[in-house]
C-alpha atoms as a PDB file:
ATOM      1  CA  UNK A   1       0.000   0.000   0.000  1.00  0.00           C
ATOM      2  CA  UNK A   2       2.825   2.378   0.781  1.00  0.00           C
ATOM      3  CA  UNK A   3       4.309   1.747  -2.672  1.00  0.00           C
ATOM      4  CA  UNK A   4       1.020   2.768  -4.275  1.00  0.00           C
ATOM      5  CA  UNK A   5       1.077   6.092  -2.414  1.00  0.00           C
ATOM      6  CA  UNK A   6       4.664   6.668  -3.472  1.00  0.00           C
ATOM      7  CA  UNK A   7       3.818   6.094  -7.153  1.00  0.00           C
ATOM      8  CA  UNK A   8       0.928   8.577  -7.120  1.00  0.00           C
ATOM      9  CA  UNK A   9       3.111  11.070  -5.286  1.00  0.00           C
ATOM     10  CA  UNK A  10       5.766  10.739  -7.971  1.00  0.00           C
ATOM     11  CA  UNK A  11       3.191  11.113 -10.770  1.00  0.00           C
ATOM     12  CA  UNK A  12       1.677  14.219  -9.191  1.00  0.00           C
ATOM     13  CA  UNK A  13       5.139  15.631  -8.582  1.00  0.00           C
ATOM     14  CA  UNK A  14       6.065  15.098 -12.243  1.00  0.00           C
ATOM     15  CA  UNK A  15       2.839  16.797 -13.387  1.00  0.00           C
ATOM     16  CA  UNK A  16       3.576  19.711 -11.063  1.00  0.00           C
ATOM     17  CA  UNK A  17       7.133  20.045 -12.375  1.00  0.00           C
ATOM     18  CA  UNK A  18       5.924  19.918 -15.996  1.00  0.00           C
ATOM     19  CA  UNK A  19       3.379  22.628 -15.209  1.00  0.00           C
ATOM     20  CA  UNK A  20       5.998  24.862 -13.590  1.00  0.00           C
ATOM     21  CA  UNK A  21       8.403  24.295 -16.509  1.00  0.00           C
ATOM     22  CA  UNK A  22       5.649  25.175 -19.003  1.00  0.00           C
ATOM     23  CA  UNK A  23       4.893  28.421 -17.148  1.00  0.00           C
ATOM     24  CA  UNK A  24       8.563  29.382 -17.039  1.00  0.00           C
ATOM     25  CA  UNK A  25       8.971  28.832 -20.780  1.00  0.00           C
ATOM     26  CA  UNK A  26       5.835  30.813 -21.468  1.00  0.00           C
ATOM     27  CA  UNK A  27       6.896  33.758 -19.297  1.00  0.00           C
ATOM     28  CA  UNK A  28      10.443  33.830 -20.657  1.00  0.00           C
ATOM     29  CA  UNK A  29       9.196  33.898 -24.264  1.00  0.00           C
ATOM     30  CA  UNK A  30       6.909  36.840 -23.510  1.00  0.00           C
ATOM     31  CA  UNK A  31       9.730  38.748 -21.862  1.00  0.00           C
ATOM     32  CA  UNK A  32      12.116  38.148 -24.748  1.00  0.00           C
ATOM     33  CA  UNK A  33       9.517  39.346 -27.256  1.00  0.00           C
ATOM     34  CA  UNK A  34       8.918  42.473 -25.214  1.00  0.00           C
ATOM     35  CA  UNK A  35      12.620  43.264 -25.093  1.00  0.00           C
ATOM     36  CA  UNK A  36      13.123  42.779 -28.832  1.00  0.00           C
ATOM     37  CA  UNK A  37      10.563  45.403 -29.824  1.00  0.00           C
ATOM     38  CA  UNK A  38      12.297  48.674 -30.546  1.00  0.00           C
ATOM     39  CA  UNK A  39      10.519  51.884 -29.608  1.00  0.00           C
ATOM     40  CA  UNK A  40       8.833  53.576 -32.540  1.00  0.00           C
ATOM     41  CA  UNK A  41       9.990  56.989 -33.574  1.00  0.00           C
ATOM     42  CA  UNK A  42       7.102  59.379 -33.568  1.00  0.00           C
ATOM     43  CA  UNK A  43       6.524  61.274 -36.764  1.00  0.00           C
ATOM     44  CA  UNK A  44       6.691  65.004 -36.782  1.00  0.00           C
ATOM     45  CA  UNK A  45       3.390  66.876 -36.476  1.00  0.00           C
ATOM     46  CA  UNK A  46       3.846  68.353 -39.956  1.00  0.00           C
ATOM     47  CA  UNK A  47       3.862  64.942 -41.641  1.00  0.00           C
ATOM     48  CA  UNK A  48       0.859  63.677 -39.674  1.00  0.00           C
ATOM     49  CA  UNK A  49      -1.024  66.871 -40.504  1.00  0.00           C
ATOM     50  CA  UNK A  50      -0.181  66.425 -44.189  1.00  0.00           C
ATOM     51  CA  UNK A  51      -1.371  62.817 -44.067  1.00  0.00           C
ATOM     52  CA  UNK A  52      -4.653  63.835 -42.429  1.00  0.00           C
ATOM     53  CA  UNK A  53      -5.155  66.586 -44.979  1.00  0.00           C
ATOM     54  CA  UNK A  54      -4.511  64.207 -47.872  1.00  0.00           C
ATOM     55  CA  UNK A  55      -6.868  61.599 -46.394  1.00  0.00           C
ATOM     56  CA  UNK A  56      -9.579  64.227 -45.905  1.00  0.00           C
ATOM     57  CA  UNK A  57      -9.193  65.420 -49.489  1.00  0.00           C
ATOM     58  CA  UNK A  58      -9.460  61.841 -50.756  1.00  0.00           C
ATOM     59  CA  UNK A  59     -12.563  61.304 -48.619  1.00  0.00           C
ATOM     60  CA  UNK A  60     -14.150  64.486 -50.017  1.00  0.00           C
ATOM     61  CA  UNK A  61     -13.496  63.398 -53.594  1.00  0.00           C
ATOM     62  CA  UNK A  62     -14.966  59.966 -52.896  1.00  0.00           C
ATOM     63  CA  UNK A  63     -18.010  61.553 -51.243  1.00  0.00           C
ATOM     64  CA  UNK A  64     -18.504  63.887 -54.201  1.00  0.00           C
ATOM     65  CA  UNK A  65     -18.436  60.939 -56.624  1.00  0.00           C
ATOM     66  CA  UNK A  66     -20.959  59.034 -54.497  1.00  0.00           C
ATOM     67  CA  UNK A  67     -23.287  62.041 -54.334  1.00  0.00           C
ATOM     68  CA  UNK A  68     -23.122  62.477 -58.105  1.00  0.00           C
ATOM     69  CA  UNK A  69     -23.977  58.813 -58.588  1.00  0.00           C
ATOM     70  CA  UNK A  70     -26.953  59.080 -56.232  1.00  0.00           C
ATOM     71  CA  UNK A  71     -28.135  62.190 -58.055  1.00  0.00           C
ATOM     72  CA  UNK A  72     -27.860  60.426 -61.418  1.00  0.00           C
ATOM     73  CA  UNK A  73     -29.916  57.501 -60.108  1.00  0.00           C
ATOM     74  CA  UNK A  74     -32.616  59.898 -58.846  1.00  0.00           C
ATOM     75  CA  UNK A  75     -32.708  61.759 -62.166  1.00  0.00           C
ATOM     76  CA  UNK A  76     -33.044  58.500 -64.061  1.00  0.00           C
ATOM     77  CA  UNK A  77     -35.860  57.393 -61.767  1.00  0.00           C
ATOM     78  CA  UNK A  78     -37.714  60.669 -62.348  1.00  0.00           C
ATOM     79  CA  UNK A  79     -37.158  60.580 -66.102  1.00  0.00           C
ATOM     80  CA  UNK A  80     -38.719  57.134 -66.560  1.00  0.00           C
ATOM     81  CA  UNK A  81     -41.968  58.150 -64.798  1.00  0.00           C
ATOM     82  CA  UNK A  82     -45.070  59.397 -66.608  1.00  0.00           C
ATOM     83  CA  UNK A  83     -46.120  63.034 -66.356  1.00  0.00           C
ATOM     84  CA  UNK A  84     -48.968  62.287 -63.934  1.00  0.00           C
ATOM     85  CA  UNK A  85     -46.685  60.250 -61.708  1.00  0.00           C
ATOM     86  CA  UNK A  86     -44.123  63.063 -61.620  1.00  0.00           C
ATOM     87  CA  UNK A  87     -46.847  65.505 -60.547  1.00  0.00           C
ATOM     88  CA  UNK A  88     -48.001  63.131 -57.810  1.00  0.00           C
ATOM     89  CA  UNK A  89     -44.406  62.675 -56.659  1.00  0.00           C
ATOM     90  CA  UNK A  90     -43.984  66.450 -56.499  1.00  0.00           C
ATOM     91  CA  UNK A  91     -47.150  66.849 -54.405  1.00  0.00           C
ATOM     92  CA  UNK A  92     -46.092  64.098 -52.018  1.00  0.00           C
ATOM     93  CA  UNK A  93     -42.616  65.577 -51.669  1.00  0.00           C
ATOM     94  CA  UNK A  94     -44.081  68.971 -50.782  1.00  0.00           C
ATOM     95  CA  UNK A  95     -46.451  67.368 -48.297  1.00  0.00           C
ATOM     96  CA  UNK A  96     -43.632  65.448 -46.626  1.00  0.00           C
ATOM     97  CA  UNK A  97     -41.484  68.598 -46.480  1.00  0.00           C
ATOM     98  CA  UNK A  98     -44.289  70.435 -44.719  1.00  0.00           C
ATOM     99  CA  UNK A  99     -44.758  67.572 -42.277  1.00  0.00           C
ATOM    100  CA  UNK A 100     -41.038  67.581 -41.493  1.00  0.00           C
ATOM    101  CA  UNK A 101     -41.246  71.334 -40.852  1.00  0.00           C
ATOM    102  CA  UNK A 102     -44.265  70.749 -38.587  1.00  0.00           C
ATOM    103  CA  UNK A 103     -46.483  72.843 -40.836  1.00  0.00           C
ATOM    104  CA  UNK A 104     -50.143  71.948 -41.099  1.00  0.00           C
ATOM    105  CA  UNK A 105     -52.148  71.722 -44.291  1.00  0.00           C
ATOM    106  CA  UNK A 106     -54.137  74.728 -45.391  1.00  0.00           C
ATOM    107  CA  UNK A 107     -57.093  75.156 -43.019  1.00  0.00           C
ATOM    108  CA  UNK A 108     -59.764  74.935 -45.760  1.00  0.00           C
ATOM    109  CA  UNK A 109     -58.342  71.606 -46.892  1.00  0.00           C
ATOM    110  CA  UNK A 110     -58.432  70.327 -43.310  1.00  0.00           C
ATOM    111  CA  UNK A 111     -62.013  71.536 -42.820  1.00  0.00           C
ATOM    112  CA  UNK A 112     -63.480  70.050 -45.989  1.00  0.00           C
ATOM    113  CA  UNK A 113     -61.566  66.802 -46.178  1.00  0.00           C
ATOM    114  CA  UNK A 114     -63.764  63.804 -46.873  1.00  0.00           C
END
Protein backbone atom coordinates (compact mmCIF):
# COMPACT_ATOMS: atom_id res chain seq x y z
CA UNK A 1 0.00 0.00 0.00
CA UNK A 2 2.82 2.38 0.78
CA UNK A 3 4.31 1.75 -2.67
CA UNK A 4 1.02 2.77 -4.28
CA UNK A 5 1.08 6.09 -2.41
CA UNK A 6 4.66 6.67 -3.47
CA UNK A 7 3.82 6.09 -7.15
CA UNK A 8 0.93 8.58 -7.12
CA UNK A 9 3.11 11.07 -5.29
CA UNK A 10 5.77 10.74 -7.97
CA UNK A 11 3.19 11.11 -10.77
CA UNK A 12 1.68 14.22 -9.19
CA UNK A 13 5.14 15.63 -8.58
CA UNK A 14 6.06 15.10 -12.24
CA UNK A 15 2.84 16.80 -13.39
CA UNK A 16 3.58 19.71 -11.06
CA UNK A 17 7.13 20.04 -12.38
CA UNK A 18 5.92 19.92 -16.00
CA UNK A 19 3.38 22.63 -15.21
CA UNK A 20 6.00 24.86 -13.59
CA UNK A 21 8.40 24.29 -16.51
CA UNK A 22 5.65 25.17 -19.00
CA UNK A 23 4.89 28.42 -17.15
CA UNK A 24 8.56 29.38 -17.04
CA UNK A 25 8.97 28.83 -20.78
CA UNK A 26 5.84 30.81 -21.47
CA UNK A 27 6.90 33.76 -19.30
CA UNK A 28 10.44 33.83 -20.66
CA UNK A 29 9.20 33.90 -24.26
CA UNK A 30 6.91 36.84 -23.51
CA UNK A 31 9.73 38.75 -21.86
CA UNK A 32 12.12 38.15 -24.75
CA UNK A 33 9.52 39.35 -27.26
CA UNK A 34 8.92 42.47 -25.21
CA UNK A 35 12.62 43.26 -25.09
CA UNK A 36 13.12 42.78 -28.83
CA UNK A 37 10.56 45.40 -29.82
CA UNK A 38 12.30 48.67 -30.55
CA UNK A 39 10.52 51.88 -29.61
CA UNK A 40 8.83 53.58 -32.54
CA UNK A 41 9.99 56.99 -33.57
CA UNK A 42 7.10 59.38 -33.57
CA UNK A 43 6.52 61.27 -36.76
CA UNK A 44 6.69 65.00 -36.78
CA UNK A 45 3.39 66.88 -36.48
CA UNK A 46 3.85 68.35 -39.96
CA UNK A 47 3.86 64.94 -41.64
CA UNK A 48 0.86 63.68 -39.67
CA UNK A 49 -1.02 66.87 -40.50
CA UNK A 50 -0.18 66.43 -44.19
CA UNK A 51 -1.37 62.82 -44.07
CA UNK A 52 -4.65 63.83 -42.43
CA UNK A 53 -5.15 66.59 -44.98
CA UNK A 54 -4.51 64.21 -47.87
CA UNK A 55 -6.87 61.60 -46.39
CA UNK A 56 -9.58 64.23 -45.91
CA UNK A 57 -9.19 65.42 -49.49
CA UNK A 58 -9.46 61.84 -50.76
CA UNK A 59 -12.56 61.30 -48.62
CA UNK A 60 -14.15 64.49 -50.02
CA UNK A 61 -13.50 63.40 -53.59
CA UNK A 62 -14.97 59.97 -52.90
CA UNK A 63 -18.01 61.55 -51.24
CA UNK A 64 -18.50 63.89 -54.20
CA UNK A 65 -18.44 60.94 -56.62
CA UNK A 66 -20.96 59.03 -54.50
CA UNK A 67 -23.29 62.04 -54.33
CA UNK A 68 -23.12 62.48 -58.11
CA UNK A 69 -23.98 58.81 -58.59
CA UNK A 70 -26.95 59.08 -56.23
CA UNK A 71 -28.14 62.19 -58.05
CA UNK A 72 -27.86 60.43 -61.42
CA UNK A 73 -29.92 57.50 -60.11
CA UNK A 74 -32.62 59.90 -58.85
CA UNK A 75 -32.71 61.76 -62.17
CA UNK A 76 -33.04 58.50 -64.06
CA UNK A 77 -35.86 57.39 -61.77
CA UNK A 78 -37.71 60.67 -62.35
CA UNK A 79 -37.16 60.58 -66.10
CA UNK A 80 -38.72 57.13 -66.56
CA UNK A 81 -41.97 58.15 -64.80
CA UNK A 82 -45.07 59.40 -66.61
CA UNK A 83 -46.12 63.03 -66.36
CA UNK A 84 -48.97 62.29 -63.93
CA UNK A 85 -46.68 60.25 -61.71
CA UNK A 86 -44.12 63.06 -61.62
CA UNK A 87 -46.85 65.51 -60.55
CA UNK A 88 -48.00 63.13 -57.81
CA UNK A 89 -44.41 62.67 -56.66
CA UNK A 90 -43.98 66.45 -56.50
CA UNK A 91 -47.15 66.85 -54.40
CA UNK A 92 -46.09 64.10 -52.02
CA UNK A 93 -42.62 65.58 -51.67
CA UNK A 94 -44.08 68.97 -50.78
CA UNK A 95 -46.45 67.37 -48.30
CA UNK A 96 -43.63 65.45 -46.63
CA UNK A 97 -41.48 68.60 -46.48
CA UNK A 98 -44.29 70.44 -44.72
CA UNK A 99 -44.76 67.57 -42.28
CA UNK A 100 -41.04 67.58 -41.49
CA UNK A 101 -41.25 71.33 -40.85
CA UNK A 102 -44.27 70.75 -38.59
CA UNK A 103 -46.48 72.84 -40.84
CA UNK A 104 -50.14 71.95 -41.10
CA UNK A 105 -52.15 71.72 -44.29
CA UNK A 106 -54.14 74.73 -45.39
CA UNK A 107 -57.09 75.16 -43.02
CA UNK A 108 -59.76 74.94 -45.76
CA UNK A 109 -58.34 71.61 -46.89
CA UNK A 110 -58.43 70.33 -43.31
CA UNK A 111 -62.01 71.54 -42.82
CA UNK A 112 -63.48 70.05 -45.99
CA UNK A 113 -61.57 66.80 -46.18
CA UNK A 114 -63.76 63.80 -46.87
